[in-house]
């Protein structure tokens, strides 16, 4: 008697052919491997926000500073080396506060007038500290003499730092007209103008000690004239 216990029908093949191989089982479709949860870093995010804010603030500060003006000293007329810097050679000028340019503040103009030019300063130059010296090497060891001169006794547009020859314009103090009182005097300061009728011009010069006596006496008697030496300016 035929028994079918323990017997499987080969018709279970996909093709229905008893000789066809069985198909391999497959896993569940659409199944994905589990992924690790994404780690959040709130501290780094906050730091990034802070850096952006700081950058924006710095940029804004630069813009504000660029629009802010400070008052500086500009030299408006040539000042020769070793000459005292006159107030008339300076004017107030505004520059950007954040420009990084070295300058001398305008409120120090009164102090600057007591100092000397360390180098020749052309007109239109923004004054810096390294252009200013506390003393003049040229006038070291020389005597300083003040002169009050009228028109015809002083060259026009005389400037501090220039060199002049001082001579007697008449007979006084034991000297005759045309006597050279100082062959090479250094002009250290000029104030006023002798161009108008009756006006006088105050000129301060540095001379050798041997020339100071006769020059001072002649100056007190209005007996001094100045001639501009070649090679100035």
Protein backbone atom coordinates (compact mmCIF):
# COMPACT_ATOMS: atom_id res chain seq x y z
CA UNK A 1 0.00 0.00 0.00
CA UNK A 2 1.44 3.19 -1.06
CA UNK A 3 2.07 5.76 1.67
CA UNK A 4 2.60 9.48 1.16
CA UNK A 5 3.88 10.15 4.71
CA UNK A 6 7.09 12.06 4.63
CA UNK A 7 6.80 12.71 0.95
CA UNK A 8 6.73 16.21 -0.51
CA UNK A 9 5.42 16.92 -3.91
CA UNK A 10 8.05 18.31 -6.30
CA UNK A 11 5.30 20.34 -7.84
CA UNK A 12 6.10 23.04 -5.32
CA UNK A 13 8.77 24.30 -7.74
CA UNK A 14 8.06 27.61 -9.31
CA UNK A 15 7.98 26.21 -12.78
CA UNK A 16 5.81 23.19 -11.95
CA UNK A 17 8.57 21.01 -13.35
CA UNK A 18 9.45 18.24 -10.89
CA UNK A 19 13.08 18.48 -12.01
CA UNK A 20 13.39 22.31 -11.63
CA UNK A 21 15.47 23.62 -8.69
CA UNK A 22 13.90 25.36 -5.80
CA UNK A 23 14.16 29.14 -5.64
CA UNK A 24 16.33 30.63 -2.88
CA UNK A 25 14.42 32.32 -0.10
CA UNK A 26 14.70 36.10 0.01
CA UNK A 27 14.61 38.53 2.93
CA UNK A 28 11.78 40.91 3.57
CA UNK A 29 11.63 43.61 0.88
CA UNK A 30 12.31 47.33 1.72
CA UNK A 31 14.16 46.58 4.93
CA UNK A 32 16.98 49.07 5.94
CA UNK A 33 19.79 48.81 8.40
CA UNK A 34 19.20 50.89 11.52
CA UNK A 35 21.25 54.17 11.62
CA UNK A 36 22.78 55.80 14.66
CA UNK A 37 20.96 58.91 15.90
CA UNK A 38 22.59 62.20 14.73
CA UNK A 39 24.56 63.90 17.47
CA UNK A 40 23.64 67.52 18.04
CA UNK A 41 26.31 70.06 19.14
CA UNK A 42 24.56 73.15 20.50
CA UNK A 43 27.85 74.58 21.86
CA UNK A 44 29.43 74.73 18.38
CA UNK A 45 26.29 76.30 16.94
CA UNK A 46 26.31 79.00 19.63
CA UNK A 47 30.02 79.68 18.98
CA UNK A 48 29.37 80.13 15.28
CA UNK A 49 26.59 82.62 16.00
CA UNK A 50 28.92 84.53 18.36
CA UNK A 51 31.70 84.73 15.76
CA UNK A 52 29.30 86.05 13.15
CA UNK A 53 28.04 88.70 15.58
CA UNK A 54 31.58 89.75 16.49
CA UNK A 55 32.56 90.04 12.83
CA UNK A 56 29.54 92.19 12.08
CA UNK A 57 30.29 94.41 15.07
CA UNK A 58 33.93 94.88 14.05
CA UNK A 59 32.92 95.79 10.51
CA UNK A 60 30.43 98.31 11.83
CA UNK A 61 33.05 99.86 14.10
CA UNK A 62 35.45 100.28 11.17
CA UNK A 63 32.75 102.04 9.18
CA UNK A 64 32.01 104.38 12.07
CA UNK A 65 35.68 105.18 12.61
CA UNK A 66 36.21 105.80 8.91
CA UNK A 67 33.57 108.50 9.06
CA UNK A 68 35.01 110.12 12.22
CA UNK A 69 37.38 113.05 11.74
CA UNK A 70 40.24 114.19 13.97
CA UNK A 71 41.96 117.56 13.71
CA UNK A 72 45.63 117.47 12.73
CA UNK A 73 48.39 119.94 11.76
CA UNK A 74 49.18 120.54 8.10
CA UNK A 75 52.23 122.58 7.06
CA UNK A 76 51.06 125.18 4.52
CA UNK A 77 54.36 126.90 3.79
CA UNK A 78 57.85 125.46 3.39
CA UNK A 79 59.85 125.12 6.62
CA UNK A 80 63.59 124.67 6.15
CA UNK A 81 65.58 122.15 8.13
CA UNK A 82 66.69 123.38 11.57
CA UNK A 83 64.26 126.31 11.36
CA UNK A 84 61.78 127.01 14.12
CA UNK A 85 58.28 126.06 12.97
CA UNK A 86 56.14 129.23 12.95
CA UNK A 87 52.44 129.23 13.78
CA UNK A 88 51.78 130.91 10.43
CA UNK A 89 53.12 127.79 8.67
CA UNK A 90 50.46 125.57 10.26
CA UNK A 91 46.76 125.10 9.62
CA UNK A 92 44.05 122.81 10.96
CA UNK A 93 43.00 119.90 8.77
CA UNK A 94 40.58 117.00 9.36
CA UNK A 95 41.64 113.39 8.70
CA UNK A 96 39.89 110.04 9.24
CA UNK A 97 40.35 108.69 12.75
CA UNK A 98 40.82 105.11 11.56
CA UNK A 99 43.21 105.87 8.68
CA UNK A 100 46.30 104.73 10.59
CA UNK A 101 48.20 107.84 9.45
CA UNK A 102 50.64 109.30 11.96
CA UNK A 103 49.83 112.92 12.80
CA UNK A 104 50.29 115.70 15.36
CA UNK A 105 46.96 116.91 16.87
CA UNK A 106 45.97 120.49 16.12
CA UNK A 107 45.62 121.33 19.81
CA UNK A 108 49.43 120.98 20.09
CA UNK A 109 50.17 123.71 17.53
CA UNK A 110 51.25 126.14 20.25
CA UNK A 111 53.82 123.63 21.52
CA UNK A 112 55.03 122.78 18.01
CA UNK A 113 55.89 126.46 17.41
CA UNK A 114 58.61 126.15 20.08
CA UNK A 115 60.36 123.36 18.18
CA UNK A 116 62.47 123.05 15.05
CA UNK A 117 62.15 121.19 11.77
CA UNK A 118 64.22 118.01 11.84
CA UNK A 119 64.11 118.03 8.02
CA UNK A 120 62.88 120.39 5.34
CA UNK A 121 59.07 120.23 5.35
CA UNK A 122 57.37 121.12 2.03
CA UNK A 123 54.06 122.96 1.93
CA UNK A 124 51.02 120.66 1.97
CA UNK A 125 52.63 118.10 4.30
CA UNK A 126 50.77 116.48 7.19
CA UNK A 127 53.04 117.04 10.21
CA UNK A 128 54.32 113.97 12.06
CA UNK A 129 56.39 113.72 15.23
CA UNK A 130 59.55 112.59 13.46
CA UNK A 131 59.59 115.89 11.52
CA UNK A 132 60.01 117.87 14.74
CA UNK A 133 63.18 118.34 16.82
CA UNK A 134 63.53 119.95 20.23
CA UNK A 135 66.66 121.88 19.19
CA UNK A 136 68.47 123.05 16.09
CA UNK A 137 71.91 121.62 15.48
CA UNK A 138 72.78 124.60 13.29
CA UNK A 139 72.22 127.17 16.06
CA UNK A 140 74.00 125.18 18.78
CA UNK A 141 76.66 127.39 20.40
CA UNK A 142 75.41 130.54 18.66
CA UNK A 143 73.90 133.72 20.08
CA UNK A 144 70.30 134.66 19.30
CA UNK A 145 69.69 138.29 18.27
CA UNK A 146 66.35 139.96 17.62
CA UNK A 147 65.98 142.54 14.85
CA UNK A 148 63.19 145.01 14.13
CA UNK A 149 63.41 145.88 10.45
CA UNK A 150 61.57 148.22 8.12
CA UNK A 151 60.88 147.96 4.40
CA UNK A 152 64.16 147.98 2.48
CA UNK A 153 66.02 146.40 5.40
CA UNK A 154 64.66 142.87 5.00
CA UNK A 155 64.10 140.64 1.95
CA UNK A 156 60.51 139.98 1.00
CA UNK A 157 58.91 136.72 2.19
CA UNK A 158 61.84 135.86 4.45
CA UNK A 159 61.37 132.42 6.01
CA UNK A 160 62.75 130.72 9.13
CA UNK A 161 65.65 128.44 8.24
CA UNK A 162 67.03 130.72 5.56
CA UNK A 163 70.51 132.23 5.84
CA UNK A 164 71.23 135.94 5.50
CA UNK A 165 74.11 138.35 5.61
CA UNK A 166 73.69 141.21 8.09
CA UNK A 167 75.36 144.55 7.36
CA UNK A 168 75.24 148.12 8.64
CA UNK A 169 73.06 150.52 6.63
CA UNK A 170 74.51 153.63 8.31
CA UNK A 171 77.18 154.80 10.73
CA UNK A 172 76.53 153.76 14.31
CA UNK A 173 78.22 151.82 17.11
CA UNK A 174 81.65 152.51 15.62
CA UNK A 175 80.88 150.92 12.27
CA UNK A 176 80.41 152.54 8.90
CA UNK A 177 77.70 151.93 6.32
CA UNK A 178 78.20 148.72 4.43
CA UNK A 179 80.19 147.01 7.19
CA UNK A 180 79.38 143.31 7.35
CA UNK A 181 78.05 142.53 10.82
CA UNK A 182 77.53 138.81 10.25
CA UNK A 183 78.48 136.90 7.14
CA UNK A 184 76.10 134.02 7.70
CA UNK A 185 73.20 134.43 10.11
CA UNK A 186 70.55 131.73 10.50
CA UNK A 187 66.97 133.02 10.56
CA UNK A 188 65.09 131.21 13.34
CA UNK A 189 61.84 133.20 13.47
CA UNK A 190 59.94 135.80 11.47
CA UNK A 191 56.89 137.74 12.65
CA UNK A 192 54.96 140.58 11.09
CA UNK A 193 55.61 142.17 7.73
CA UNK A 194 57.56 145.21 6.57
CA UNK A 195 55.70 145.53 3.27
CA UNK A 196 53.29 148.22 4.44
CA UNK A 197 54.49 151.80 4.93
CA UNK A 198 55.70 152.36 8.49
CA UNK A 199 55.31 148.70 9.50
CA UNK A 200 58.15 146.63 10.92
CA UNK A 201 59.11 142.98 10.70
CA UNK A 202 60.60 141.12 13.66
CA UNK A 203 63.38 138.76 12.63
CA UNK A 204 65.33 136.53 15.02
CA UNK A 205 68.74 135.30 13.88
CA UNK A 206 71.45 133.04 15.28
CA UNK A 207 75.01 134.36 14.85
CA UNK A 208 78.49 133.58 16.02
CA UNK A 209 79.22 135.02 19.50
CA UNK A 210 81.92 137.28 18.03
CA UNK A 211 79.29 139.01 15.83
CA UNK A 212 76.57 139.36 18.46
CA UNK A 213 77.84 142.59 20.13
CA UNK A 214 78.10 144.81 17.05
CA UNK A 215 74.92 143.34 15.55
CA UNK A 216 72.90 143.96 18.72
CA UNK A 217 74.14 147.54 19.00
CA UNK A 218 73.39 148.28 15.36
CA UNK A 219 69.96 146.67 15.66
CA UNK A 220 69.13 148.92 18.63
CA UNK A 221 69.91 151.92 16.43
CA UNK A 222 67.92 150.66 13.45
CA UNK A 223 71.16 150.28 11.54
CA UNK A 224 70.86 146.71 10.24
CA UNK A 225 69.93 145.39 6.82
CA UNK A 226 69.68 141.77 5.73
CA UNK A 227 70.58 140.24 2.39
CA UNK A 228 69.38 136.75 1.48
CA UNK A 229 72.29 134.43 0.75
CA UNK A 230 72.21 132.18 -2.34
CA UNK A 231 71.22 128.54 -1.93
CA UNK A 232 68.11 129.15 0.19
CA UNK A 233 64.91 127.26 -0.58
